[in-house]
PDB file of all heavy atoms in Angstrom:
ATOM      1  N   MET A   1      36.731  55.234  23.805  1.00  0.00           N
ATOM      2  CA  MET A   1      36.902  53.893  24.364  1.00  0.00           C
ATOM      3  C   MET A   1      37.401  52.924  23.296  1.00  0.00           C
ATOM      4  O   MET A   1      37.031  53.032  22.130  1.00  0.00           O
ATOM      5  CB  MET A   1      35.588  53.379  24.948  1.00  0.00           C
ATOM      6  CG  MET A   1      35.240  54.032  26.253  1.00  0.00           C
ATOM      7  SD  MET A   1      33.706  53.453  27.014  1.00  0.00           S
ATOM      8  CE  MET A   1      33.424  51.861  26.340  1.00  0.00           C
ATOM      9  N   THR A   2      38.215  51.973  23.731  1.00  0.00           N
ATOM     10  CA  THR A   2      38.716  50.940  22.833  1.00  0.00           C
ATOM     11  C   THR A   2      38.303  49.544  23.277  1.00  0.00           C
ATOM     12  O   THR A   2      38.360  48.608  22.489  1.00  0.00           O
ATOM     13  CB  THR A   2      40.255  50.997  22.749  1.00  0.00           C
ATOM     14  OG1 THR A   2      40.786  50.915  24.070  1.00  0.00           O
ATOM     15  CG2 THR A   2      40.713  52.295  22.088  1.00  0.00           C
ATOM     16  N   ASP A   3      37.902  49.399  24.544  1.00  0.00           N
ATOM     17  CA  ASP A   3      37.556  48.082  25.083  1.00  0.00           C
ATOM     18  C   ASP A   3      36.056  47.999  25.340  1.00  0.00           C
ATOM     19  O   ASP A   3      35.500  48.818  26.070  1.00  0.00           O
ATOM     20  CB  ASP A   3      38.298  47.838  26.400  1.00  0.00           C
ATOM     21  CG  ASP A   3      39.809  47.897  26.226  1.00  0.00           C
ATOM     22  OD1 ASP A   3      40.294  47.443  25.181  1.00  0.00           O
ATOM     23  OD2 ASP A   3      40.484  48.405  27.140  1.00  0.00           O
ATOM     24  N   TYR A   4      35.428  46.992  24.742  1.00  0.00           N
ATOM     25  CA  TYR A   4      33.986  46.777  24.896  1.00  0.00           C
ATOM     26  C   TYR A   4      33.772  45.336  25.343  1.00  0.00           C
ATOM     27  O   TYR A   4      34.286  44.413  24.726  1.00  0.00           O
ATOM     28  CB  TYR A   4      33.260  47.042  23.566  1.00  0.00           C
ATOM     29  CG  TYR A   4      33.432  48.465  23.110  1.00  0.00           C
ATOM     30  CD1 TYR A   4      34.490  48.834  22.296  1.00  0.00           C
ATOM     31  CD2 TYR A   4      32.546  49.442  23.526  1.00  0.00           C
ATOM     32  CE1 TYR A   4      34.652  50.157  21.906  1.00  0.00           C
ATOM     33  CE2 TYR A   4      32.697  50.764  23.126  1.00  0.00           C
ATOM     34  CZ  TYR A   4      33.762  51.108  22.321  1.00  0.00           C
ATOM     35  OH  TYR A   4      33.909  52.415  21.934  1.00  0.00           O
ATOM     36  N   TYR A   5      33.018  45.166  26.427  1.00  0.00           N
ATOM     37  CA  TYR A   5      32.905  43.863  27.065  1.00  0.00           C
ATOM     38  C   TYR A   5      31.471  43.339  26.990  1.00  0.00           C
ATOM     39  O   TYR A   5      30.524  44.069  27.257  1.00  0.00           O
ATOM     40  CB  TYR A   5      33.325  43.973  28.533  1.00  0.00           C
ATOM     41  CG  TYR A   5      34.677  44.618  28.716  1.00  0.00           C
ATOM     42  CD1 TYR A   5      34.783  45.962  29.065  1.00  0.00           C
ATOM     43  CD2 TYR A   5      35.844  43.894  28.523  1.00  0.00           C
ATOM     44  CE1 TYR A   5      36.024  46.558  29.235  1.00  0.00           C
ATOM     45  CE2 TYR A   5      37.092  44.481  28.691  1.00  0.00           C
ATOM     46  CZ  TYR A   5      37.171  45.812  29.045  1.00  0.00           C
ATOM     47  OH  TYR A   5      38.387  46.401  29.209  1.00  0.00           O
ATOM     48  N   SER A   6      31.341  42.049  26.708  1.00  0.00           N
ATOM     49  CA  SER A   6      30.006  41.461  26.609  1.00  0.00           C
ATOM     50  C   SER A   6      29.412  41.134  27.976  1.00  0.00           C
ATOM     51  O   SER A   6      28.228  40.815  28.066  1.00  0.00           O
ATOM     52  CB  SER A   6      30.047  40.202  25.738  1.00  0.00           C
ATOM     53  OG  SER A   6      30.930  39.259  26.305  1.00  0.00           O
ATOM     54  N   ASN A   7      30.195  41.257  29.043  1.00  0.00           N
ATOM     55  CA  ASN A   7      29.662  40.999  30.390  1.00  0.00           C
ATOM     56  C   ASN A   7      29.396  42.296  31.149  1.00  0.00           C
ATOM     57  O   ASN A   7      29.208  42.283  32.355  1.00  0.00           O
ATOM     58  CB  ASN A   7      30.634  40.118  31.176  1.00  0.00           C
ATOM     59  CG  ASN A   7      31.980  40.791  31.404  1.00  0.00           C
ATOM     60  OD1 ASN A   7      32.373  41.672  30.659  1.00  0.00           O
ATOM     61  ND2 ASN A   7      32.690  40.348  32.426  1.00  0.00           N
ATOM     62  N   VAL A   8      29.332  43.429  30.443  1.00  0.00           N
ATOM     63  CA  VAL A   8      29.175  44.740  31.050  1.00  0.00           C
ATOM     64  C   VAL A   8      27.929  45.432  30.501  1.00  0.00           C
ATOM     65  O   VAL A   8      27.678  45.393  29.297  1.00  0.00           O
ATOM     66  CB  VAL A   8      30.437  45.600  30.735  1.00  0.00           C
ATOM     67  CG1 VAL A   8      30.198  47.055  30.999  1.00  0.00           C
ATOM     68  CG2 VAL A   8      31.619  45.091  31.515  1.00  0.00           C
ATOM     69  N   ILE A   9      27.134  46.062  31.404  1.00  0.00           N
ATOM     70  CA  ILE A   9      25.954  46.804  30.949  1.00  0.00           C
ATOM     71  C   ILE A   9      26.013  48.276  31.339  1.00  0.00           C
ATOM     72  O   ILE A   9      25.177  49.063  30.917  1.00  0.00           O
ATOM     73  CB  ILE A   9      24.647  46.163  31.444  1.00  0.00           C
ATOM     74  CG1 ILE A   9      24.562  46.143  32.957  1.00  0.00           C
ATOM     75  CG2 ILE A   9      24.487  44.768  30.849  1.00  0.00           C
ATOM     76  CD1 ILE A   9      23.211  45.691  33.490  1.00  0.00           C
ATOM     77  N   SER A  10      27.017  48.644  32.140  1.00  0.00           N
ATOM     78  CA  SER A  10      27.252  50.045  32.487  1.00  0.00           C
ATOM     79  C   SER A  10      28.746  50.311  32.432  1.00  0.00           C
ATOM     80  O   SER A  10      29.544  49.471  32.848  1.00  0.00           O
ATOM     81  CB  SER A  10      26.738  50.363  33.894  1.00  0.00           C
ATOM     82  OG  SER A  10      25.337  50.253  33.952  1.00  0.00           O
ATOM     83  N   MET A  11      29.112  51.478  31.915  1.00  0.00           N
ATOM     84  CA  MET A  11      30.520  51.793  31.718  1.00  0.00           C
ATOM     85  C   MET A  11      30.855  53.135  32.369  1.00  0.00           C
ATOM     86  O   MET A  11      30.218  54.147  32.064  1.00  0.00           O
ATOM     87  CB  MET A  11      30.791  51.865  30.220  1.00  0.00           C
ATOM     88  CG  MET A  11      32.227  52.054  29.845  1.00  0.00           C
ATOM     89  SD  MET A  11      33.284  50.612  30.123  1.00  0.00           S
ATOM     90  CE  MET A  11      32.666  49.453  28.930  1.00  0.00           C
ATOM     91  N   MET A  12      31.822  53.123  33.282  1.00  0.00           N
ATOM     92  CA  MET A  12      32.356  54.370  33.813  1.00  0.00           C
ATOM     93  C   MET A  12      33.331  54.871  32.758  1.00  0.00           C
ATOM     94  O   MET A  12      34.448  54.375  32.650  1.00  0.00           O
ATOM     95  CB  MET A  12      33.094  54.151  35.139  1.00  0.00           C
ATOM     96  CG  MET A  12      32.177  53.866  36.294  1.00  0.00           C
ATOM     97  SD  MET A  12      31.650  52.165  36.300  1.00  0.00           S
ATOM     98  CE  MET A  12      31.441  51.887  38.014  1.00  0.00           C
ATOM     99  N   ILE A  13      32.899  55.833  31.963  1.00  0.00           N
ATOM    100  CA  ILE A  13      33.724  56.275  30.842  1.00  0.00           C
ATOM    101  C   ILE A  13      34.833  57.223  31.296  1.00  0.00           C
ATOM    102  O   ILE A  13      35.927  57.214  30.762  1.00  0.00           O
ATOM    103  CB  ILE A  13      32.865  56.868  29.704  1.00  0.00           C
ATOM    104  CG1 ILE A  13      33.699  57.056  28.437  1.00  0.00           C
ATOM    105  CG2 ILE A  13      32.175  58.137  30.150  1.00  0.00           C
ATOM    106  CD1 ILE A  13      32.887  57.309  27.191  1.00  0.00           C
ATOM    107  N   GLY A  14      34.557  58.023  32.313  1.00  0.00           N
ATOM    108  CA  GLY A  14      35.572  58.946  32.799  1.00  0.00           C
ATOM    109  C   GLY A  14      35.089  59.685  34.029  1.00  0.00           C
ATOM    110  O   GLY A  14      33.935  59.543  34.442  1.00  0.00           O
ATOM    111  N   GLU A  15      36.003  60.476  34.599  1.00  0.00           N
ATOM    112  CA  GLU A  15      35.650  61.267  35.770  1.00  0.00           C
ATOM    113  C   GLU A  15      36.480  62.538  35.781  1.00  0.00           C
ATOM    114  O   GLU A  15      37.588  62.573  35.234  1.00  0.00           O
ATOM    115  CB  GLU A  15      35.891  60.475  37.059  1.00  0.00           C
ATOM    116  CG  GLU A  15      37.348  60.156  37.312  1.00  0.00           C
ATOM    117  CD  GLU A  15      37.586  59.237  38.503  1.00  0.00           C
ATOM    118  OE1 GLU A  15      36.624  58.668  39.045  1.00  0.00           O
ATOM    119  OE2 GLU A  15      38.773  59.072  38.875  1.00  0.00           O
ATOM    120  N   ILE A  16      35.918  63.565  36.380  1.00  0.00           N
ATOM    121  CA  ILE A  16      36.703  64.746  36.697  1.00  0.00           C
ATOM    122  C   ILE A  16      36.831  64.774  38.207  1.00  0.00           C
ATOM    123  O   ILE A  16      35.920  64.351  38.914  1.00  0.00           O
ATOM    124  CB  ILE A  16      36.086  66.046  36.136  1.00  0.00           C
ATOM    125  CG1 ILE A  16      34.677  66.253  36.661  1.00  0.00           C
ATOM    126  CG2 ILE A  16      36.111  66.051  34.621  1.00  0.00           C
ATOM    127  CD1 ILE A  16      34.159  67.636  36.413  1.00  0.00           C
ATOM    128  N   TYR A  17      37.983  65.229  38.670  1.00  0.00           N
ATOM    129  CA  TYR A  17      38.200  65.217  40.115  1.00  0.00           C
ATOM    130  C   TYR A  17      39.126  66.361  40.493  1.00  0.00           C
ATOM    131  O   TYR A  17      39.938  66.836  39.693  1.00  0.00           O
ATOM    132  CB  TYR A  17      38.757  63.870  40.572  1.00  0.00           C
ATOM    133  CG  TYR A  17      40.105  63.529  40.003  1.00  0.00           C
ATOM    134  CD1 TYR A  17      41.268  63.745  40.750  1.00  0.00           C
ATOM    135  CD2 TYR A  17      40.232  63.005  38.722  1.00  0.00           C
ATOM    136  CE1 TYR A  17      42.509  63.438  40.237  1.00  0.00           C
ATOM    137  CE2 TYR A  17      41.465  62.692  38.200  1.00  0.00           C
ATOM    138  CZ  TYR A  17      42.603  62.920  38.959  1.00  0.00           C
ATOM    139  OH  TYR A  17      43.833  62.619  38.445  1.00  0.00           O
ATOM    140  N   LEU A  18      38.986  66.780  41.731  1.00  0.00           N
ATOM    141  CA  LEU A  18      39.780  67.872  42.268  1.00  0.00           C
ATOM    142  C   LEU A  18      41.020  67.293  42.954  1.00  0.00           C
ATOM    143  O   LEU A  18      40.913  66.458  43.845  1.00  0.00           O
ATOM    144  CB  LEU A  18      38.941  68.675  43.270  1.00  0.00           C
ATOM    145  CG  LEU A  18      39.474  70.022  43.706  1.00  0.00           C
ATOM    146  CD1 LEU A  18      39.683  70.952  42.513  1.00  0.00           C
ATOM    147  CD2 LEU A  18      38.505  70.662  44.696  1.00  0.00           C
ATOM    148  N   HIS A  19      42.191  67.726  42.490  1.00  0.00           N
ATOM    149  CA  HIS A  19      43.451  67.251  43.066  1.00  0.00           C
ATOM    150  C   HIS A  19      44.349  68.453  43.324  1.00  0.00           C
ATOM    151  O   HIS A  19      44.717  69.159  42.383  1.00  0.00           O
ATOM    152  CB  HIS A  19      44.130  66.279  42.099  1.00  0.00           C
ATOM    153  CG  HIS A  19      45.442  65.758  42.598  1.00  0.00           C
ATOM    154  ND1 HIS A  19      45.522  64.845  43.621  1.00  0.00           N
ATOM    155  CD2 HIS A  19      46.710  66.039  42.240  1.00  0.00           C
ATOM    156  CE1 HIS A  19      46.795  64.578  43.852  1.00  0.00           C
ATOM    157  NE2 HIS A  19      47.534  65.299  43.030  1.00  0.00           N
ATOM    158  N   ASN A  20      44.643  68.690  44.596  1.00  0.00           N
ATOM    159  CA  ASN A  20      45.469  69.841  44.989  1.00  0.00           C
ATOM    160  C   ASN A  20      44.944  71.153  44.407  1.00  0.00           C
ATOM    161  O   ASN A  20      45.708  71.973  43.900  1.00  0.00           O
ATOM    162  CB  ASN A  20      46.932  69.627  44.590  1.00  0.00           C
ATOM    163  CG  ASN A  20      47.578  68.504  45.367  1.00  0.00           C
ATOM    164  OD1 ASN A  20      47.195  68.218  46.496  1.00  0.00           O
ATOM    165  ND2 ASN A  20      48.545  67.842  44.756  1.00  0.00           N
ATOM    166  N   GLY A  21      43.624  71.316  44.434  1.00  0.00           N
ATOM    167  CA  GLY A  21      43.002  72.554  43.977  1.00  0.00           C
ATOM    168  C   GLY A  21      42.862  72.689  42.470  1.00  0.00           C
ATOM    169  O   GLY A  21      42.447  73.738  41.975  1.00  0.00           O
ATOM    170  N   VAL A  22      43.185  71.628  41.720  1.00  0.00           N
ATOM    171  CA  VAL A  22      43.137  71.667  40.257  1.00  0.00           C
ATOM    172  C   VAL A  22      42.199  70.561  39.761  1.00  0.00           C
ATOM    173  O   VAL A  22      42.273  69.417  40.232  1.00  0.00           O
ATOM    174  CB  VAL A  22      44.556  71.444  39.674  1.00  0.00           C
ATOM    175  CG1 VAL A  22      44.527  71.389  38.163  1.00  0.00           C
ATOM    176  CG2 VAL A  22      45.502  72.530  40.152  1.00  0.00           C
ATOM    177  N   TRP A  23      41.332  70.904  38.804  1.00  0.00           N
ATOM    178  CA  TRP A  23      40.432  69.905  38.225  1.00  0.00           C
ATOM    179  C   TRP A  23      41.162  69.110  37.150  1.00  0.00           C
ATOM    180  O   TRP A  23      41.785  69.672  36.256  1.00  0.00           O
ATOM    181  CB  TRP A  23      39.181  70.569  37.652  1.00  0.00           C
ATOM    182  CG  TRP A  23      38.256  71.002  38.731  1.00  0.00           C
ATOM    183  CD1 TRP A  23      38.110  72.260  39.241  1.00  0.00           C
ATOM    184  CD2 TRP A  23      37.364  70.166  39.470  1.00  0.00           C
ATOM    185  NE1 TRP A  23      37.185  72.256  40.258  1.00  0.00           N
ATOM    186  CE2 TRP A  23      36.705  70.996  40.422  1.00  0.00           C
ATOM    187  CE3 TRP A  23      37.058  68.812  39.447  1.00  0.00           C
ATOM    188  CZ2 TRP A  23      35.758  70.502  41.314  1.00  0.00           C
ATOM    189  CZ3 TRP A  23      36.112  68.322  40.344  1.00  0.00           C
ATOM    190  CH2 TRP A  23      35.476  69.156  41.260  1.00  0.00           C
ATOM    191  N   LYS A  24      41.053  67.784  37.261  1.00  0.00           N
ATOM    192  CA  LYS A  24      41.700  66.878  36.326  1.00  0.00           C
ATOM    193  C   LYS A  24      40.651  65.945  35.726  1.00  0.00           C
ATOM    194  O   LYS A  24      39.568  65.768  36.292  1.00  0.00           O
ATOM    195  CB  LYS A  24      42.777  66.050  37.039  1.00  0.00           C
ATOM    196  CG  LYS A  24      43.912  66.904  37.609  1.00  0.00           C
ATOM    197  CD  LYS A  24      44.907  66.065  38.369  1.00  0.00           C
ATOM    198  CE  LYS A  24      46.034  65.665  37.466  1.00  0.00           C
ATOM    199  NZ  LYS A  24      47.108  64.940  38.192  1.00  0.00           N
TER     200      LYS A  24
END
């Protein structure tokens, strides 16, 4: 991460997801 916010207490850092049968 490069962006850190003083108005944030939880961060969605990333996700994996299935797209057309492939994990991304």
